[in-house]
Structures are given as structure tokens and as C-alpha cells.
Amino acid sequence: MTGFPVRKVLGAALALLVATLPIGAAASAAPALSLPRPTGPYAVGTTTLHLTDPARADPWRPDVRRELMVSLWYPARPDDGPAAPYTTAAVSSRIVAAEGLPLPPDVLTTVATNARRDVPVRPPAGRGWPLVVLSPGFSLSRESLTGLAEDLAARGYVVAGVDHPYEARGVEFPDGRVAECLACELDGVLPKVVRGRAADVSFLLDRLTGARPAWRGARYLDRRRIAVVGHSIGGASAAHLLTTDRRVDAAADLDGTLFVPVATNRPLLLVGADRPADASWTRDWPGVTGWKRWLTVAGTGHMSFTDRPVLGAQLGLDPGAVPAERQLLITREYVAAFLDVHLRHRHRPLLDGPSPAFPEVAVDTPLRN
């Protein structure tokens, strides 16, 4: 549950597309790429933060301090500001190069998003906006969860997507430096990744909710309502944060093996792809003594909880049994329902049991061999 099978999802689609084009035609003939529109009522803004933790050495580069790149998505005032880029050319080129694909290196910079860059935050009507931190899968970067982030922001959440340097194919800093995936070349590091990411998120919370926040929009946050959601190993770190940071009220793990055991009385949502039950989830399930749900989504794979199936389908790849945009819709609806229940204390019957609207989703019936 922790790999990054780009070749099976985005990479396979790109390779298929290129194979059907005349030599030299790939750049001009590539179809337009875009993310589905958010479902919430608010316009979406976004901005980026570059943070450095002076008290912590980087776990993969002990000679430097730990740096983070963070994208913030938030409810915005309606504005005609510039559309936000999906990712940078440097990051796109490293994803393409990692798979050896004969495509324009900047192909992922062409993805059309639904957020406007650096537009004003919409003030909340009452309490501040709840905060949700997103952590991507191993070797992925923060753009891989943009479709989920935009939707949550449109529903009234501030969302912070974190890049964990040296654990992604590429993380670009404002001065043009690019952190390559050093951890990708090592064996036996996944528990270290989980613990390190939890430390990254705790530092980010310090910088967003402390006395002198790093983002001027932080005055609109409700510091008492915080959740962490992650994909793959990002989901494992989200669950781990329930045991390490009391500020985290709830966590959701999207198809991530629990490399560090989890025991907690705080809310935990596990969402798994269509495969036999993960052994670590079965192991830790009894130790989750508070609210908990375990969902299994039929017809899906590991990358179904990211943007990759949507972009892959636009590039010609068959998404499988579940249409690509529906895969993203399922993720959006169930994650939002979980956050509404535990950060807004709203009843969402979607989490009470099977739903006729989403027959693909089995609730708390995962213990298969």
C-alpha cells in the first residue's frame, strides 16, 4: 500500500498516448489535462509557504535544517486572480524522467486547476475555518492530492498540503533548489518516514497556529479543529499523529500500511482499495477504541485516492471498473463526511453503513483473507 506505481496509472497512460502519435508529435498532440470542479459553494484560493525548522536536522540530509514546502488551499472571496499552477516544471520533469517516458518534461504543468493564486481568504461567518493537513504517498509530491484539497477548501476547510523533501521525486524550493528522492534509494526506511512525517506536520502546526503564524490568513483558522489526511505512507503518518500530537482531533488513512503501530481513542478512518485486508490494519484495529470506520472501495487500486486516475483517463488510460472521476468523487465525499462529523459535529449518514449512492463502498466489512 505504499508504493508509487506511476507506470501503472499515469505513466501507462502517457506511454499509451505517445505510442499512438507520430514521432515528434507528442508535445503538440497531448490532450488538455484538468481536475474536476470542486463540489462546495466557495471559491478556492491557494498560496505556498516555505518553512525551515531551525531546531531539527533533515532526516535524510543531516547537514541541513529540515525545510518544507506547503500549499495552502482555502475558501476565498470571488476573484479573477491568476489560475494556480498544478506543479512546477522541475517537479514535472522528475516524475516523467523517473519513469523514462518519451514526453515533454513539463507535461504536468499543463494541468488546469480550480484555484486562484494568492487571492484573499473569505472570512468565516462564525468560528474560524477548520484546518486539514494532507500528506502524499511515498515518492509523490503534494500536487497529487490537489483534487481532494480543492474540494475540501470549497466546502469550507483550510487545507495544507505538505511536501516532505527527499521522500518525493522532486521538491522545488523558491530559490530553484530541487530535493531529489534520497529515501527512494534506501531499504527499510518506512517506519522512519512515518515518524519523520509526523514531526513535519507537528512543526507545520506550530507555524500555522502559534503566536506568530507563518501565513497571514492564519487568523481565520479555528485552532481547536484540526485533522490530518494522508495517502499511502502519508496516511500511516496521519494515523501515527493521533498518538504523538494532541492538537490532531482526527485522522484518515487512504490505503496506507501502518508501519508504526497505532493505538488511540481518537477518530480514525481507514479507506482501502479493492484487495485483501491489510495485515497492519487488522493488527491495529482492536487498539482503536474511539470512533472508527474501515471502508473498502470495490474496483479501485492504490492510486485511486489521488489525482492520477483522472489525469490518466484524460491521457487515454482505461481507469478500470470505476470511472476515474467517480474514484475522485468517492474520496471527496467520504473524506468530507468524516471531517464534517469530527470537526464540525454534523451527522453524516454516509458513514453509518452502506449507501445506495455509493454501492462500491463497503463499511466495516473488511476482514477478508
Protein backbone atom coordinates (compact mmCIF):
# COMPACT_ATOMS: atom_id res chain seq x y z
CA MET A 1 0.00 0.00 0.00
CA THR A 2 2.95 2.37 0.00
CA GLY A 3 4.39 2.33 -3.49
CA PHE A 4 4.07 4.84 -6.29
CA PRO A 5 3.13 2.83 -9.38
CA VAL A 6 3.15 5.79 -11.77
CA ARG A 7 3.81 3.49 -14.72
CA LYS A 8 0.61 1.58 -13.91
CA VAL A 9 -1.51 4.71 -13.71
CA LEU A 10 -0.22 7.99 -15.11
CA GLY A 11 2.87 6.52 -16.71
CA ALA A 12 0.98 3.79 -18.55
CA ALA A 13 -1.46 6.33 -19.88
CA LEU A 14 1.30 8.62 -21.11
CA ALA A 15 3.17 5.75 -22.73
CA LEU A 16 -0.02 4.59 -24.47
CA LEU A 17 -0.67 8.08 -25.73
CA VAL A 18 2.84 8.54 -27.06
CA ALA A 19 2.76 5.16 -28.81
CA THR A 20 -0.21 6.31 -30.91
CA LEU A 21 1.39 9.58 -32.03
CA PRO A 22 3.73 10.25 -34.96
CA ILE A 23 7.35 10.79 -33.98
CA GLY A 24 7.80 14.30 -32.69
CA ALA A 25 4.08 14.93 -32.26
CA ALA A 26 3.77 14.21 -28.52
CA ALA A 27 4.09 17.78 -27.32
CA SER A 28 1.61 19.28 -29.77
CA ALA A 29 -0.98 16.48 -29.67
CA ALA A 30 -1.22 15.84 -25.91
CA PRO A 31 -4.81 16.39 -24.74
CA ALA A 32 -5.73 19.11 -22.25
CA LEU A 33 -5.43 17.99 -18.64
CA SER A 34 -7.71 19.29 -15.89
CA LEU A 35 -9.16 18.47 -12.50
CA PRO A 36 -12.92 18.15 -11.88
CA ARG A 37 -14.58 21.21 -10.41
CA PRO A 38 -14.97 21.26 -6.62
CA THR A 39 -18.42 20.44 -5.26
CA GLY A 40 -18.58 23.00 -2.43
CA PRO A 41 -20.13 26.50 -2.51
CA TYR A 42 -16.97 28.58 -2.04
CA ALA A 43 -14.40 29.88 -4.48
CA VAL A 44 -10.95 28.45 -3.83
CA GLY A 45 -7.70 30.31 -3.32
CA THR A 46 -4.21 28.94 -2.87
CA THR A 47 -0.77 30.08 -1.84
CA THR A 48 2.55 28.48 -0.91
CA LEU A 49 4.79 28.54 2.15
CA HIS A 50 8.46 27.71 2.52
CA LEU A 51 9.27 26.80 6.11
CA THR A 52 12.54 25.91 7.83
CA ASP A 53 12.74 24.23 11.23
CA PRO A 54 15.85 25.65 12.92
CA ALA A 55 15.66 23.07 15.68
CA ARG A 56 15.67 19.95 13.51
CA ALA A 57 18.19 18.41 11.14
CA ASP A 58 16.80 16.92 7.96
CA PRO A 59 16.49 13.14 8.48
CA TRP A 60 17.94 12.46 5.00
CA ARG A 61 20.43 15.34 4.89
CA PRO A 62 21.71 15.81 8.45
CA ASP A 63 23.98 18.63 7.27
CA VAL A 64 20.98 20.93 6.67
CA ARG A 65 17.92 22.02 8.63
CA ARG A 66 14.57 20.47 7.73
CA GLU A 67 12.72 22.52 5.11
CA LEU A 68 9.13 22.08 3.99
CA MET A 69 7.14 23.28 1.00
CA VAL A 70 3.45 23.69 1.73
CA SER A 71 0.48 24.53 -0.47
CA LEU A 72 -2.50 26.13 1.26
CA TRP A 73 -5.96 25.91 -0.27
CA TYR A 74 -8.73 27.92 1.37
CA PRO A 75 -12.23 29.38 0.94
CA ALA A 76 -11.69 32.59 -0.99
CA ARG A 77 -13.52 35.73 -1.92
CA PRO A 78 -14.63 35.59 -5.55
CA ASP A 79 -11.73 36.95 -7.52
CA ASP A 80 -10.36 36.91 -11.04
CA GLY A 81 -6.81 36.26 -9.96
CA PRO A 82 -4.46 34.03 -11.96
CA ALA A 83 -5.12 30.30 -12.01
CA ALA A 84 -2.75 28.37 -9.78
CA PRO A 85 -0.24 26.02 -11.42
CA TYR A 86 -0.59 22.31 -10.68
CA THR A 87 3.15 21.85 -10.14
CA THR A 88 6.46 23.25 -11.29
CA ALA A 89 8.40 22.30 -14.40
CA ALA A 90 11.19 20.92 -12.23
CA VAL A 91 8.87 18.57 -10.36
CA SER A 92 7.05 17.51 -13.53
CA SER A 93 10.32 16.71 -15.28
CA ARG A 94 11.48 14.49 -12.44
CA ILE A 95 8.26 12.50 -12.40
CA VAL A 96 8.48 11.97 -16.16
CA ALA A 97 12.21 11.15 -16.01
CA ALA A 98 11.75 8.67 -13.15
CA GLU A 99 9.55 6.60 -15.44
CA GLY A 100 11.65 7.10 -18.59
CA LEU A 101 8.68 8.38 -20.56
CA PRO A 102 9.16 9.99 -24.02
CA LEU A 103 7.03 13.01 -23.14
CA PRO A 104 7.54 16.75 -22.68
CA PRO A 105 9.13 17.07 -19.26
CA ASP A 106 6.71 19.84 -18.30
CA VAL A 107 3.54 17.84 -19.11
CA LEU A 108 2.17 18.10 -15.56
CA THR A 109 2.45 21.88 -15.59
CA THR A 110 -0.37 21.91 -18.15
CA VAL A 111 -2.98 20.55 -15.70
CA ALA A 112 -5.75 23.15 -15.25
CA THR A 113 -6.69 23.65 -11.59
CA ASN A 114 -9.71 25.29 -9.96
CA ALA A 115 -7.89 27.56 -7.51
CA ARG A 116 -6.74 31.16 -7.87
CA ARG A 117 -3.31 32.12 -6.68
CA ASP A 118 -2.83 34.45 -3.71
CA VAL A 119 -6.41 35.76 -3.62
CA PRO A 120 -7.89 36.95 -0.28
CA VAL A 121 -9.25 34.46 2.23
CA ARG A 122 -13.00 34.54 2.70
CA PRO A 123 -13.69 35.40 6.35
CA PRO A 124 -15.76 32.70 8.10
CA ALA A 125 -19.24 33.60 9.24
CA GLY A 126 -18.67 32.44 12.82
CA ARG A 127 -15.88 30.26 14.14
CA GLY A 128 -12.70 30.03 12.11
CA TRP A 129 -12.26 27.56 9.26
CA PRO A 130 -11.19 24.06 10.39
CA LEU A 131 -7.69 23.02 9.31
CA VAL A 132 -6.89 19.82 7.39
CA VAL A 133 -3.32 18.73 6.66
CA LEU A 134 -2.71 16.45 3.65
CA SER A 135 0.36 14.20 3.36
CA PRO A 136 1.05 12.47 0.00
CA GLY A 137 2.28 8.96 -0.70
CA PHE A 138 5.92 7.87 -0.75
CA SER A 139 7.78 9.35 -3.74
CA LEU A 140 4.76 11.55 -4.56
CA SER A 141 4.62 15.28 -4.03
CA ARG A 142 1.85 17.46 -2.73
CA GLU A 143 0.20 18.12 -6.10
CA SER A 144 -1.03 14.50 -6.21
CA LEU A 145 -3.87 15.38 -3.79
CA THR A 146 -4.92 18.67 -5.39
CA GLY A 147 -8.34 17.37 -6.48
CA LEU A 148 -9.20 16.49 -2.88
CA ALA A 149 -7.66 19.68 -1.48
CA GLU A 150 -9.62 21.98 -3.78
CA ASP A 151 -12.87 20.23 -2.94
CA LEU A 152 -12.33 20.49 0.82
CA ALA A 153 -11.47 24.18 0.51
CA ALA A 154 -14.67 24.77 -1.48
CA ARG A 155 -16.59 23.11 1.38
CA GLY A 156 -15.14 25.47 4.00
CA TYR A 157 -11.85 23.94 5.16
CA VAL A 158 -8.35 25.37 5.05
CA VAL A 159 -6.14 22.65 3.62
CA ALA A 160 -2.36 22.44 3.97
CA GLY A 161 -0.67 20.02 1.54
CA VAL A 162 2.85 19.17 2.67
CA ASP A 163 5.85 18.20 0.58
CA HIS A 164 8.32 16.06 2.51
CA PRO A 165 11.73 16.73 0.89
CA TYR A 166 13.95 13.81 -0.13
CA GLU A 167 10.89 11.50 0.02
CA ALA A 168 9.41 12.66 -3.31
CA ARG A 169 10.73 12.52 -6.86
CA GLY A 170 11.23 16.23 -6.61
CA VAL A 171 10.53 19.10 -4.22
CA GLU A 172 11.43 22.53 -5.54
CA PHE A 173 12.31 25.37 -3.18
CA PRO A 174 11.75 29.05 -4.03
CA ASP A 175 15.43 29.62 -4.86
CA GLY A 176 15.35 26.88 -7.51
CA ARG A 177 17.00 24.11 -5.50
CA VAL A 178 15.37 20.72 -6.01
CA ALA A 179 15.41 17.99 -3.39
CA GLU A 180 15.65 14.58 -5.08
CA CYS A 181 14.24 11.39 -3.53
CA LEU A 182 17.13 10.19 -1.39
CA ALA A 183 14.85 7.92 0.65
CA CYS A 184 13.73 6.15 -2.53
CA GLU A 185 17.18 4.58 -2.83
CA LEU A 186 17.20 3.13 0.68
CA ASP A 187 15.77 -0.05 2.18
CA GLY A 188 13.99 -0.47 5.49
CA VAL A 189 13.24 3.22 5.99
CA LEU A 190 9.44 3.26 6.02
CA PRO A 191 8.97 3.45 9.83
CA LYS A 192 11.48 6.31 9.81
CA VAL A 193 9.45 8.00 7.08
CA VAL A 194 6.26 7.72 9.15
CA ARG A 195 7.84 9.21 12.25
CA GLY A 196 9.61 11.94 10.30
CA ARG A 197 6.44 12.99 8.53
CA ALA A 198 4.62 13.22 11.84
CA ALA A 199 7.37 15.56 13.03
CA ASP A 200 6.98 17.59 9.81
CA VAL A 201 3.24 18.01 10.40
CA SER A 202 3.69 18.94 14.05
CA PHE A 203 6.19 21.63 13.03
CA LEU A 204 3.74 22.89 10.40
CA LEU A 205 1.02 23.14 13.06
CA ASP A 206 3.42 25.13 15.23
CA ARG A 207 3.93 27.58 12.37
CA LEU A 208 0.24 27.87 11.48
CA THR A 209 -1.31 28.02 14.96
CA GLY A 210 1.41 29.61 17.08
CA ALA A 211 1.65 33.16 18.35
CA ARG A 212 3.39 34.40 15.17
CA PRO A 213 1.96 32.32 12.34
CA ALA A 214 3.79 31.94 9.03
CA TRP A 215 0.65 32.68 6.99
CA ARG A 216 -1.29 35.90 7.31
CA GLY A 217 -4.54 34.03 6.64
CA ALA A 218 -3.99 32.00 9.82
CA ARG A 219 -6.16 34.47 11.72
CA TYR A 220 -9.13 32.81 10.03
CA LEU A 221 -8.26 29.33 11.37
CA ASP A 222 -10.00 27.56 14.22
CA ARG A 223 -7.00 26.14 16.07
CA ARG A 224 -9.27 23.79 18.03
CA ARG A 225 -10.40 21.85 14.93
CA ILE A 226 -7.55 20.05 13.16
CA ALA A 227 -7.40 16.80 11.19
CA VAL A 228 -4.73 15.05 9.13
CA VAL A 229 -5.46 13.02 5.99
CA GLY A 230 -2.85 11.11 4.04
CA HIS A 231 -2.44 8.76 1.12
CA SER A 232 -0.30 5.63 1.39
CA ILE A 233 2.57 6.30 3.79
CA GLY A 234 1.10 9.77 4.29
CA GLY A 235 -1.95 8.01 5.68
CA ALA A 236 0.24 5.96 8.01
CA SER A 237 1.79 9.16 9.32
CA ALA A 238 -1.66 10.72 9.73
CA ALA A 239 -2.71 7.81 11.93
CA HIS A 240 0.58 7.97 13.85
CA LEU A 241 -0.07 11.64 14.65
CA LEU A 242 -3.07 10.59 16.73
CA THR A 243 -0.56 9.13 19.16
CA THR A 244 2.02 11.96 19.07
CA ASP A 245 0.21 15.31 18.77
CA ARG A 246 -2.78 16.21 20.93
CA ARG A 247 -3.76 19.01 18.56
CA VAL A 248 -4.84 16.48 15.93
CA ASP A 249 -8.51 15.69 16.53
CA ALA A 250 -8.97 13.05 13.82
CA ALA A 251 -7.06 11.27 11.05
CA ALA A 252 -7.84 9.48 7.79
CA ASP A 253 -5.56 6.93 6.13
CA LEU A 254 -6.15 6.40 2.41
CA ASP A 255 -4.73 2.95 1.61
CA GLY A 256 -1.58 3.23 3.69
CA THR A 257 0.07 0.36 5.56
CA LEU A 258 0.61 1.18 9.26
CA PHE A 259 4.36 0.72 9.53
CA VAL A 260 4.25 2.12 13.06
CA PRO A 261 1.55 0.52 15.29
CA VAL A 262 -1.41 2.73 16.18
CA ALA A 263 -3.46 2.65 19.38
CA THR A 264 -5.75 5.62 20.00
CA ASN A 265 -9.14 6.69 21.29
CA ARG A 266 -9.42 9.48 18.75
CA PRO A 267 -11.36 9.13 15.47
CA LEU A 268 -9.67 7.16 12.69
CA LEU A 269 -10.93 6.49 9.18
CA LEU A 270 -9.29 3.75 7.10
CA VAL A 271 -10.12 3.66 3.38
CA GLY A 272 -8.72 0.73 1.45
CA ALA A 273 -8.53 -0.30 -2.18
CA ASP A 274 -10.08 -3.48 -3.53
CA ARG A 275 -7.70 -6.13 -2.20
CA PRO A 276 -7.39 -8.47 0.80
CA ALA A 277 -7.33 -6.73 4.17
CA ASP A 278 -4.02 -5.10 5.05
CA ALA A 279 -2.36 -7.08 7.84
CA SER A 280 -1.32 -3.97 9.76
CA TRP A 281 -4.88 -2.66 9.76
CA THR A 282 -6.15 -5.98 11.10
CA ARG A 283 -3.40 -5.89 13.74
CA ASP A 284 -4.19 -2.38 14.99
CA TRP A 285 -7.97 -2.34 14.57
CA PRO A 286 -8.71 -3.56 18.15
CA GLY A 287 -6.44 -0.85 19.59
CA VAL A 288 -8.51 1.94 18.02
CA THR A 289 -11.02 2.33 20.83
CA GLY A 290 -12.84 5.51 19.81
CA TRP A 291 -14.89 6.26 16.71
CA LYS A 292 -13.59 4.26 13.76
CA ARG A 293 -14.59 3.15 10.29
CA TRP A 294 -12.91 0.84 7.82
CA LEU A 295 -14.07 1.29 4.24
CA THR A 296 -13.18 -0.90 1.26
CA VAL A 297 -13.86 0.51 -2.21
CA ALA A 298 -14.57 -2.14 -4.84
CA GLY A 299 -12.96 -1.74 -8.25
CA THR A 300 -10.19 0.58 -7.06
CA GLY A 301 -6.41 0.45 -6.71
CA HIS A 302 -3.75 2.12 -4.63
CA MET A 303 -3.68 5.34 -6.66
CA SER A 304 -7.47 5.70 -6.83
CA PHE A 305 -7.39 8.14 -3.92
CA THR A 306 -5.18 10.64 -5.77
CA ASP A 307 -5.45 12.72 -8.95
CA ARG A 308 -3.64 10.10 -11.02
CA PRO A 309 -6.65 8.15 -12.38
CA VAL A 310 -8.34 11.36 -13.57
CA LEU A 311 -5.24 12.56 -15.38
CA GLY A 312 -4.55 9.06 -16.69
CA ALA A 313 -8.05 8.79 -18.18
CA GLN A 314 -7.60 12.12 -19.95
CA LEU A 315 -4.44 10.69 -21.46
CA GLY A 316 -6.15 7.57 -22.74
CA LEU A 317 -5.82 5.02 -19.94
CA ASP A 318 -8.76 2.81 -19.04
CA PRO A 319 -9.37 3.56 -15.33
CA GLY A 320 -10.83 0.11 -14.68
CA ALA A 321 -14.16 -0.88 -13.17
CA VAL A 322 -14.85 2.53 -11.61
CA PRO A 323 -14.73 5.64 -13.83
CA ALA A 324 -11.84 7.92 -12.99
CA GLU A 325 -13.86 10.94 -11.90
CA ARG A 326 -16.06 8.73 -9.74
CA GLN A 327 -12.96 7.42 -7.96
CA LEU A 328 -12.13 11.01 -7.02
CA LEU A 329 -15.75 11.71 -6.11
CA ILE A 330 -15.81 8.77 -3.68
CA THR A 331 -12.65 10.03 -2.00
CA ARG A 332 -14.00 13.56 -1.79
CA GLU A 333 -17.39 12.55 -0.37
CA TYR A 334 -16.17 10.12 2.28
CA VAL A 335 -13.27 12.27 3.47
CA ALA A 336 -15.54 15.32 3.67
CA ALA A 337 -18.17 13.34 5.57
CA PHE A 338 -15.53 12.19 8.07
CA LEU A 339 -14.27 15.74 8.58
CA ASP A 340 -17.80 17.13 8.90
CA VAL A 341 -18.58 14.62 11.65
CA HIS A 342 -15.45 15.17 13.70
CA LEU A 343 -14.51 18.79 13.07
CA ARG A 344 -18.00 20.27 12.62
CA HIS A 345 -20.03 17.77 14.67
CA ARG A 346 -22.54 17.26 11.90
CA HIS A 347 -24.31 13.97 11.39
CA ARG A 348 -23.34 12.44 8.05
CA PRO A 349 -25.31 9.21 7.47
CA LEU A 350 -22.90 8.30 4.67
CA LEU A 351 -20.61 6.88 7.37
CA ASP A 352 -23.31 4.91 9.18
CA GLY A 353 -23.38 1.98 6.77
CA PRO A 354 -23.74 1.02 3.11
CA SER A 355 -25.07 3.83 0.90
CA PRO A 356 -27.16 3.28 -2.27
CA ALA A 357 -25.38 6.32 -3.72
CA PHE A 358 -22.02 4.56 -3.44
CA PRO A 359 -22.54 0.80 -3.78
CA GLU A 360 -18.78 0.39 -4.37
CA VAL A 361 -18.07 1.21 -0.72
CA ALA A 362 -18.26 -1.46 1.99
CA VAL A 363 -18.32 -0.09 5.55
CA ASP A 364 -16.64 -2.02 8.37
CA THR A 365 -16.70 -5.30 6.48
CA PRO A 366 -13.01 -5.64 5.57
CA LEU A 367 -11.68 -8.72 7.30
CA ARG A 368 -11.17 -10.86 4.22
CA ASN A 369 -8.48 -13.44 3.58
